[in-house]
């Protein structure tokens, strides 16, 4: 287990599409980033139906981070919220 990455992986269900939840998530994410964490967010459908892409995204981020690269945000997935924010 790597603790130096300061990585948070969040899996969101359909309730995260609600504006109230979205605003709450953004606030939580900003607070985490303020203290050095990085948040990767996936929706539950991606995890259940496309786990290979989810793991590939996590691997990509952790590999690049391990070598000290500054990683640009990933584009949102089609129909999903998967991105590095």
PDB file of N, CA and C in Angstrom:
ATOM      1  N   UNK A   1       0.841  -1.188   0.000  1.00  0.00           N
ATOM      2  CA  UNK A   1       0.000   0.000   0.000  1.00  0.00           C
ATOM      3  C   UNK A   1       0.880   1.244   0.000  1.00  0.00           C
ATOM      4  N   UNK A   2       0.668   2.117  -0.958  1.00  0.00           N
ATOM      5  CA  UNK A   2       1.432   3.360  -1.070  1.00  0.00           C
ATOM      6  C   UNK A   2       0.711   4.462  -0.316  1.00  0.00           C
ATOM      7  N   UNK A   3       1.386   5.108   0.592  1.00  0.00           N
ATOM      8  CA  UNK A   3       0.779   6.220   1.323  1.00  0.00           C
ATOM      9  C   UNK A   3       1.279   7.565   0.829  1.00  0.00           C
ATOM     10  N   UNK A   4       2.337   7.564   0.037  1.00  0.00           N
ATOM     11  CA  UNK A   4       2.906   8.820  -0.419  1.00  0.00           C
ATOM     12  C   UNK A   4       2.147   9.462  -1.569  1.00  0.00           C
ATOM     13  N   UNK A   5       1.220   8.757  -2.186  1.00  0.00           N
ATOM     14  CA  UNK A   5       0.462   9.309  -3.310  1.00  0.00           C
ATOM     15  C   UNK A   5      -0.646  10.255  -2.857  1.00  0.00           C
ATOM     16  N   UNK A   6      -1.124  10.091  -1.635  1.00  0.00           N
ATOM     17  CA  UNK A   6      -2.223  10.906  -1.126  1.00  0.00           C
ATOM     18  C   UNK A   6      -3.395  10.905  -2.098  1.00  0.00           C
ATOM     19  N   UNK A   7      -3.794   9.723  -2.487  1.00  0.00           N
ATOM     20  CA  UNK A   7      -4.833   9.537  -3.490  1.00  0.00           C
ATOM     21  C   UNK A   7      -6.135   9.098  -2.857  1.00  0.00           C
ATOM     22  N   UNK A   8      -7.224   9.750  -3.264  1.00  0.00           N
ATOM     23  CA  UNK A   8      -8.569   9.370  -2.846  1.00  0.00           C
ATOM     24  C   UNK A   8      -9.297   8.885  -4.093  1.00  0.00           C
ATOM     25  N   UNK A   9      -9.873   7.689  -4.006  1.00  0.00           N
ATOM     26  CA  UNK A   9     -10.666   7.156  -5.115  1.00  0.00           C
ATOM     27  C   UNK A   9     -12.098   7.084  -4.633  1.00  0.00           C
ATOM     28  N   UNK A  10     -12.973   7.795  -5.331  1.00  0.00           N
ATOM     29  CA  UNK A  10     -14.369   7.846  -4.923  1.00  0.00           C
ATOM     30  C   UNK A  10     -15.239   7.235  -6.019  1.00  0.00           C
ATOM     31  N   UNK A  11     -16.181   6.422  -5.582  1.00  0.00           N
ATOM     32  CA  UNK A  11     -17.154   5.823  -6.492  1.00  0.00           C
ATOM     33  C   UNK A  11     -18.514   6.430  -6.154  1.00  0.00           C
ATOM     34  N   UNK A  12     -19.093   7.102  -7.131  1.00  0.00           N
ATOM     35  CA  UNK A  12     -20.352   7.812  -6.935  1.00  0.00           C
ATOM     36  C   UNK A  12     -21.523   7.049  -7.524  1.00  0.00           C
ATOM     37  N   UNK A  13     -22.611   7.027  -6.789  1.00  0.00           N
ATOM     38  CA  UNK A  13     -23.863   6.462  -7.272  1.00  0.00           C
ATOM     39  C   UNK A  13     -24.726   7.547  -7.902  1.00  0.00           C
ATOM     40  N   UNK A  14     -25.955   7.197  -8.231  1.00  0.00           N
ATOM     41  CA  UNK A  14     -26.839   8.126  -8.934  1.00  0.00           C
ATOM     42  C   UNK A  14     -27.164   9.375  -8.119  1.00  0.00           C
ATOM     43  N   UNK A  15     -27.091   9.299  -6.791  1.00  0.00           N
ATOM     44  CA  UNK A  15     -27.405  10.471  -5.972  1.00  0.00           C
ATOM     45  C   UNK A  15     -26.394  11.594  -6.171  1.00  0.00           C
ATOM     46  N   UNK A  16     -25.239  11.273  -6.714  1.00  0.00           N
ATOM     47  CA  UNK A  16     -24.230  12.294  -6.950  1.00  0.00           C
ATOM     48  C   UNK A  16     -24.542  13.141  -8.172  1.00  0.00           C
ATOM     49  N   UNK A  17     -25.591  12.793  -8.881  1.00  0.00           N
ATOM     50  CA  UNK A  17     -26.039  13.611  -9.995  1.00  0.00           C
ATOM     51  C   UNK A  17     -26.908  14.769  -9.506  1.00  0.00           C
ATOM     52  N   UNK A  18     -27.387  14.677  -8.287  1.00  0.00           N
ATOM     53  CA  UNK A  18     -28.201  15.737  -7.715  1.00  0.00           C
ATOM     54  C   UNK A  18     -27.328  16.951  -7.409  1.00  0.00           C
ATOM     55  N   UNK A  19     -27.849  18.131  -7.674  1.00  0.00           N
ATOM     56  CA  UNK A  19     -27.063  19.350  -7.490  1.00  0.00           C
ATOM     57  C   UNK A  19     -26.551  19.494  -6.055  1.00  0.00           C
ATOM     58  N   UNK A  20     -27.378  19.202  -5.084  1.00  0.00           N
ATOM     59  CA  UNK A  20     -26.993  19.325  -3.680  1.00  0.00           C
ATOM     60  C   UNK A  20     -25.792  18.434  -3.356  1.00  0.00           C
ATOM     61  N   UNK A  21     -25.839  17.218  -3.840  1.00  0.00           N
ATOM     62  CA  UNK A  21     -24.739  16.280  -3.597  1.00  0.00           C
ATOM     63  C   UNK A  21     -23.488  16.708  -4.349  1.00  0.00           C
ATOM     64  N   UNK A  22     -23.678  17.194  -5.580  1.00  0.00           N
ATOM     65  CA  UNK A  22     -22.551  17.652  -6.393  1.00  0.00           C
ATOM     66  C   UNK A  22     -21.815  18.790  -5.684  1.00  0.00           C
ATOM     67  N   UNK A  23     -22.550  19.740  -5.150  1.00  0.00           N
ATOM     68  CA  UNK A  23     -21.955  20.874  -4.450  1.00  0.00           C
ATOM     69  C   UNK A  23     -21.205  20.399  -3.207  1.00  0.00           C
ATOM     70  N   UNK A  24     -21.805  19.473  -2.477  1.00  0.00           N
ATOM     71  CA  UNK A  24     -21.172  18.910  -1.285  1.00  0.00           C
ATOM     72  C   UNK A  24     -19.869  18.185  -1.660  1.00  0.00           C
ATOM     73  N   UNK A  25     -19.909  17.414  -2.754  1.00  0.00           N
ATOM     74  CA  UNK A  25     -18.717  16.705  -3.232  1.00  0.00           C
ATOM     75  C   UNK A  25     -17.601  17.681  -3.608  1.00  0.00           C
ATOM     76  N   UNK A  26     -17.947  18.761  -4.292  1.00  0.00           N
ATOM     77  CA  UNK A  26     -16.945  19.745  -4.709  1.00  0.00           C
ATOM     78  C   UNK A  26     -16.267  20.374  -3.492  1.00  0.00           C
ATOM     79  N   UNK A  27     -17.063  20.691  -2.463  1.00  0.00           N
ATOM     80  CA  UNK A  27     -16.506  21.289  -1.252  1.00  0.00           C
ATOM     81  C   UNK A  27     -15.551  20.307  -0.568  1.00  0.00           C
ATOM     82  N   UNK A  28     -15.989  19.047  -0.461  1.00  0.00           N
ATOM     83  CA  UNK A  28     -15.152  18.014   0.158  1.00  0.00           C
ATOM     84  C   UNK A  28     -13.860  17.833  -0.636  1.00  0.00           C
ATOM     85  N   UNK A  29     -13.988  17.825  -1.951  1.00  0.00           N
ATOM     86  CA  UNK A  29     -12.828  17.640  -2.815  1.00  0.00           C
ATOM     87  C   UNK A  29     -11.839  18.798  -2.675  1.00  0.00           C
ATOM     88  N   UNK A  30     -12.335  20.012  -2.642  1.00  0.00           N
ATOM     89  CA  UNK A  30     -11.455  21.177  -2.473  1.00  0.00           C
ATOM     90  C   UNK A  30     -10.720  21.114  -1.144  1.00  0.00           C
ATOM     91  N   UNK A  31     -11.416  20.689  -0.092  1.00  0.00           N
ATOM     92  CA  UNK A  31     -10.774  20.561   1.220  1.00  0.00           C
ATOM     93  C   UNK A  31      -9.680  19.499   1.199  1.00  0.00           C
ATOM     94  N   UNK A  32      -9.939  18.378   0.536  1.00  0.00           N
ATOM     95  CA  UNK A  32      -8.934  17.324   0.421  1.00  0.00           C
ATOM     96  C   UNK A  32      -7.723  17.804  -0.378  1.00  0.00           C
ATOM     97  N   UNK A  33      -7.986  18.492  -1.485  1.00  0.00           N
ATOM     98  CA  UNK A  33      -6.893  18.988  -2.319  1.00  0.00           C
ATOM     99  C   UNK A  33      -6.087  20.065  -1.598  1.00  0.00           C
ATOM    100  N   UNK A  34      -6.735  20.832  -0.774  1.00  0.00           N
ATOM    101  CA  UNK A  34      -6.058  21.892  -0.023  1.00  0.00           C
ATOM    102  C   UNK A  34      -4.972  21.324   0.895  1.00  0.00           C
ATOM    103  N   UNK A  35      -5.183  20.100   1.384  1.00  0.00           N
ATOM    104  CA  UNK A  35      -4.185  19.485   2.274  1.00  0.00           C
ATOM    105  C   UNK A  35      -3.303  18.467   1.553  1.00  0.00           C
ATOM    106  N   UNK A  36      -3.395  18.442   0.210  1.00  0.00           N
ATOM    107  CA  UNK A  36      -2.461  17.648  -0.570  1.00  0.00           C
ATOM    108  C   UNK A  36      -2.972  16.374  -1.211  1.00  0.00           C
ATOM    109  N   UNK A  37      -4.235  16.032  -1.000  1.00  0.00           N
ATOM    110  CA  UNK A  37      -4.783  14.829  -1.614  1.00  0.00           C
ATOM    111  C   UNK A  37      -5.209  15.096  -3.052  1.00  0.00           C
ATOM    112  N   UNK A  38      -5.261  14.038  -3.834  1.00  0.00           N
ATOM    113  CA  UNK A  38      -5.782  14.069  -5.195  1.00  0.00           C
ATOM    114  C   UNK A  38      -6.991  13.142  -5.236  1.00  0.00           C
ATOM    115  N   UNK A  39      -8.061  13.577  -5.894  1.00  0.00           N
ATOM    116  CA  UNK A  39      -9.295  12.791  -5.951  1.00  0.00           C
ATOM    117  C   UNK A  39      -9.516  12.297  -7.374  1.00  0.00           C
ATOM    118  N   UNK A  40      -9.656  10.991  -7.514  1.00  0.00           N
ATOM    119  CA  UNK A  40     -10.101  10.380  -8.766  1.00  0.00           C
ATOM    120  C   UNK A  40     -11.517   9.900  -8.520  1.00  0.00           C
ATOM    121  N   UNK A  41     -12.414  10.272  -9.396  1.00  0.00           N
ATOM    122  CA  UNK A  41     -13.826   9.973  -9.191  1.00  0.00           C
ATOM    123  C   UNK A  41     -14.359   9.122 -10.352  1.00  0.00           C
ATOM    124  N   UNK A  42     -15.090   8.086  -9.994  1.00  0.00           N
ATOM    125  CA  UNK A  42     -15.718   7.206 -10.977  1.00  0.00           C
ATOM    126  C   UNK A  42     -17.177   7.030 -10.579  1.00  0.00           C
ATOM    127  N   UNK A  43     -18.031   6.798 -11.575  1.00  0.00           N
ATOM    128  CA  UNK A  43     -19.408   6.485 -11.189  1.00  0.00           C
ATOM    129  C   UNK A  43     -19.549   4.978 -11.051  1.00  0.00           C
ATOM    130  N   UNK A  44     -20.574   4.571 -10.331  1.00  0.00           N
ATOM    131  CA  UNK A  44     -20.733   3.145 -10.027  1.00  0.00           C
ATOM    132  C   UNK A  44     -20.901   2.299 -11.283  1.00  0.00           C
ATOM    133  N   UNK A  45     -21.499   2.870 -12.304  1.00  0.00           N
ATOM    134  CA  UNK A  45     -21.690   2.134 -13.554  1.00  0.00           C
ATOM    135  C   UNK A  45     -20.338   1.800 -14.202  1.00  0.00           C
ATOM    136  N   UNK A  46     -19.413   2.726 -14.153  1.00  0.00           N
ATOM    137  CA  UNK A  46     -18.073   2.474 -14.697  1.00  0.00           C
ATOM    138  C   UNK A  46     -17.384   1.342 -13.940  1.00  0.00           C
ATOM    139  N   UNK A  47     -17.500   1.358 -12.622  1.00  0.00           N
ATOM    140  CA  UNK A  47     -16.861   0.323 -11.812  1.00  0.00           C
ATOM    141  C   UNK A  47     -17.482  -1.038 -12.092  1.00  0.00           C
ATOM    142  N   UNK A  48     -18.787  -1.089 -12.220  1.00  0.00           N
ATOM    143  CA  UNK A  48     -19.471  -2.365 -12.455  1.00  0.00           C
ATOM    144  C   UNK A  48     -19.318  -2.877 -13.881  1.00  0.00           C
ATOM    145  N   UNK A  49     -19.272  -1.965 -14.861  1.00  0.00           N
ATOM    146  CA  UNK A  49     -19.307  -2.387 -16.262  1.00  0.00           C
ATOM    147  C   UNK A  49     -18.021  -2.173 -17.050  1.00  0.00           C
ATOM    148  N   UNK A  50     -17.079  -1.428 -16.493  1.00  0.00           N
ATOM    149  CA  UNK A  50     -15.843  -1.144 -17.227  1.00  0.00           C
ATOM    150  C   UNK A  50     -14.660  -1.046 -16.268  1.00  0.00           C
ATOM    151  N   UNK A  51     -14.535  -2.038 -15.420  1.00  0.00           N
ATOM    152  CA  UNK A  51     -13.499  -2.017 -14.385  1.00  0.00           C
ATOM    153  C   UNK A  51     -12.096  -1.958 -14.985  1.00  0.00           C
ATOM    154  N   UNK A  52     -11.911  -2.510 -16.181  1.00  0.00           N
ATOM    155  CA  UNK A  52     -10.583  -2.453 -16.810  1.00  0.00           C
ATOM    156  C   UNK A  52     -10.157  -1.013 -17.069  1.00  0.00           C
ATOM    157  N   UNK A  53     -11.087  -0.192 -17.530  1.00  0.00           N
ATOM    158  CA  UNK A  53     -10.758   1.212 -17.767  1.00  0.00           C
ATOM    159  C   UNK A  53     -10.526   1.955 -16.449  1.00  0.00           C
ATOM    160  N   UNK A  54     -11.301   1.620 -15.440  1.00  0.00           N
ATOM    161  CA  UNK A  54     -11.116   2.233 -14.122  1.00  0.00           C
ATOM    162  C   UNK A  54      -9.726   1.907 -13.589  1.00  0.00           C
ATOM    163  N   UNK A  55      -9.351   0.645 -13.623  1.00  0.00           N
ATOM    164  CA  UNK A  55      -8.029   0.269 -13.112  1.00  0.00           C
ATOM    165  C   UNK A  55      -6.912   0.847 -13.982  1.00  0.00           C
ATOM    166  N   UNK A  56      -7.140   0.927 -15.281  1.00  0.00           N
ATOM    167  CA  UNK A  56      -6.145   1.510 -16.185  1.00  0.00           C
ATOM    168  C   UNK A  56      -5.930   2.998 -15.834  1.00  0.00           C
ATOM    169  N   UNK A  57      -7.017   3.705 -15.553  1.00  0.00           N
ATOM    170  CA  UNK A  57      -6.928   5.115 -15.180  1.00  0.00           C
ATOM    171  C   UNK A  57      -6.164   5.280 -13.872  1.00  0.00           C
ATOM    172  N   UNK A  58      -6.471   4.452 -12.892  1.00  0.00           N
ATOM    173  CA  UNK A  58      -5.778   4.510 -11.599  1.00  0.00           C
ATOM    174  C   UNK A  58      -4.306   4.166 -11.783  1.00  0.00           C
ATOM    175  N   UNK A  59      -4.017   3.119 -12.545  1.00  0.00           N
ATOM    176  CA  UNK A  59      -2.625   2.730 -12.810  1.00  0.00           C
ATOM    177  C   UNK A  59      -1.862   3.849 -13.499  1.00  0.00           C
ATOM    178  N   UNK A  60      -2.476   4.458 -14.504  1.00  0.00           N
ATOM    179  CA  UNK A  60      -1.846   5.560 -15.227  1.00  0.00           C
ATOM    180  C   UNK A  60      -1.491   6.683 -14.259  1.00  0.00           C
ATOM    181  N   UNK A  61      -2.448   7.061 -13.445  1.00  0.00           N
ATOM    182  CA  UNK A  61      -2.225   8.170 -12.506  1.00  0.00           C
ATOM    183  C   UNK A  61      -1.128   7.835 -11.492  1.00  0.00           C
ATOM    184  N   UNK A  62      -1.187   6.644 -10.918  1.00  0.00           N
ATOM    185  CA  UNK A  62      -0.201   6.278  -9.902  1.00  0.00           C
ATOM    186  C   UNK A  62       1.192   6.082 -10.505  1.00  0.00           C
ATOM    187  N   UNK A  63       1.267   5.513 -11.710  1.00  0.00           N
ATOM    188  CA  UNK A  63       2.570   5.341 -12.367  1.00  0.00           C
ATOM    189  C   UNK A  63       3.212   6.688 -12.661  1.00  0.00           C
ATOM    190  N   UNK A  64       2.466   7.589 -13.234  1.00  0.00           N
ATOM    191  CA  UNK A  64       2.999   8.908 -13.571  1.00  0.00           C
ATOM    192  C   UNK A  64       3.385   9.665 -12.304  1.00  0.00           C
ATOM    193  N   UNK A  65       2.557   9.563 -11.295  1.00  0.00           N
ATOM    194  CA  UNK A  65       2.807  10.253 -10.029  1.00  0.00           C
ATOM    195  C   UNK A  65       4.064   9.694  -9.350  1.00  0.00           C
ATOM    196  N   UNK A  66       4.266   8.386  -9.492  1.00  0.00           N
ATOM    197  CA  UNK A  66       5.429   7.741  -8.888  1.00  0.00           C
ATOM    198  C   UNK A  66       6.733   8.271  -9.470  1.00  0.00           C
ATOM    199  N   UNK A  67       6.684   8.676 -10.735  1.00  0.00           N
ATOM    200  CA  UNK A  67       7.883   9.182 -11.390  1.00  0.00           C
ATOM    201  C   UNK A  67       7.980  10.703 -11.335  1.00  0.00           C
ATOM    202  N   UNK A  68       7.049  11.333 -10.595  1.00  0.00           N
ATOM    203  CA  UNK A  68       7.136  12.773 -10.384  1.00  0.00           C
ATOM    204  C   UNK A  68       6.563  13.634 -11.487  1.00  0.00           C
ATOM    205  N   UNK A  69       5.798  13.059 -12.400  1.00  0.00           N
ATOM    206  CA  UNK A  69       5.194  13.847 -13.466  1.00  0.00           C
ATOM    207  C   UNK A  69       3.980  14.601 -12.937  1.00  0.00           C
ATOM    208  N   UNK A  70       3.792  15.806 -13.436  1.00  0.00           N
ATOM    209  CA  UNK A  70       2.576  16.553 -13.138  1.00  0.00           C
ATOM    210  C   UNK A  70       1.528  16.107 -14.152  1.00  0.00           C
ATOM    211  N   UNK A  71       0.429  15.564 -13.675  1.00  0.00           N
ATOM    212  CA  UNK A  71      -0.557  14.958 -14.561  1.00  0.00           C
ATOM    213  C   UNK A  71      -1.718  15.905 -14.800  1.00  0.00           C
ATOM    214  N   UNK A  72      -2.023  16.179 -16.081  1.00  0.00           N
ATOM    215  CA  UNK A  72      -3.182  17.028 -16.368  1.00  0.00           C
ATOM    216  C   UNK A  72      -4.475  16.293 -16.047  1.00  0.00           C
ATOM    217  N   UNK A  73      -5.562  17.021 -15.784  1.00  0.00           N
ATOM    218  CA  UNK A  73      -6.844  16.370 -15.500  1.00  0.00           C
ATOM    219  C   UNK A  73      -7.304  15.516 -16.669  1.00  0.00           C
ATOM    220  N   UNK A  74      -7.936  14.396 -16.364  1.00  0.00           N
ATOM    221  CA  UNK A  74      -8.521  13.552 -17.391  1.00  0.00           C
ATOM    222  C   UNK A  74      -9.866  14.118 -17.787  1.00  0.00           C
ATOM    223  N   UNK A  75     -10.219  13.977 -19.041  1.00  0.00           N
ATOM    224  CA  UNK A  75     -11.526  14.438 -19.504  1.00  0.00           C
ATOM    225  C   UNK A  75     -12.617  13.566 -18.903  1.00  0.00           C
ATOM    226  N   UNK A  76     -13.793  14.153 -18.632  1.00  0.00           N
ATOM    227  CA  UNK A  76     -14.893  13.336 -18.101  1.00  0.00           C
ATOM    228  C   UNK A  76     -15.253  12.222 -19.066  1.00  0.00           C
ATOM    229  N   UNK A  77     -15.619  11.084 -18.530  1.00  0.00           N
ATOM    230  CA  UNK A  77     -16.058   9.963 -19.356  1.00  0.00           C
ATOM    231  C   UNK A  77     -17.421  10.289 -19.945  1.00  0.00           C
ATOM    232  N   UNK A  78     -17.700   9.745 -21.098  1.00  0.00           N
ATOM    233  CA  UNK A  78     -18.997   9.949 -21.727  1.00  0.00           C
ATOM    234  C   UNK A  78     -20.072   9.376 -20.823  1.00  0.00           C
ATOM    235  N   UNK A  79     -21.009  10.211 -20.421  1.00  0.00           N
ATOM    236  CA  UNK A  79     -22.099   9.775 -19.568  1.00  0.00           C
ATOM    237  C   UNK A  79     -21.697   9.531 -18.127  1.00  0.00           C
ATOM    238  N   UNK A  80     -20.449   9.820 -17.803  1.00  0.00           N
ATOM    239  CA  UNK A  80     -19.985   9.577 -16.449  1.00  0.00           C
ATOM    240  C   UNK A  80     -19.271  10.783 -15.892  1.00  0.00           C
ATOM    241  N   UNK A  81     -18.688  10.606 -14.739  1.00  0.00           N
ATOM    242  CA  UNK A  81     -18.015  11.701 -14.075  1.00  0.00           C
ATOM    243  C   UNK A  81     -16.561  11.359 -13.835  1.00  0.00           C
ATOM    244  N   UNK A  82     -16.051  10.334 -14.518  1.00  0.00           N
ATOM    245  CA  UNK A  82     -14.697   9.870 -14.274  1.00  0.00           C
ATOM    246  C   UNK A  82     -13.693  10.912 -14.708  1.00  0.00           C
ATOM    247  N   UNK A  83     -12.989  11.447 -13.738  1.00  0.00           N
ATOM    248  CA  UNK A  83     -11.974  12.420 -14.057  1.00  0.00           C
ATOM    249  C   UNK A  83     -11.060  12.621 -12.876  1.00  0.00           C
ATOM    250  N   UNK A  84      -9.938  13.132 -13.188  1.00  0.00           N
ATOM    251  CA  UNK A  84      -9.017  13.524 -12.126  1.00  0.00           C
ATOM    252  C   UNK A  84      -9.259  14.998 -11.904  1.00  0.00           C
ATOM    253  N   UNK A  85      -9.586  15.361 -10.680  1.00  0.00           N
ATOM    254  CA  UNK A  85      -9.907  16.765 -10.456  1.00  0.00           C
ATOM    255  C   UNK A  85      -8.922  17.394  -9.519  1.00  0.00           C
TER     256      UNK A  85
END
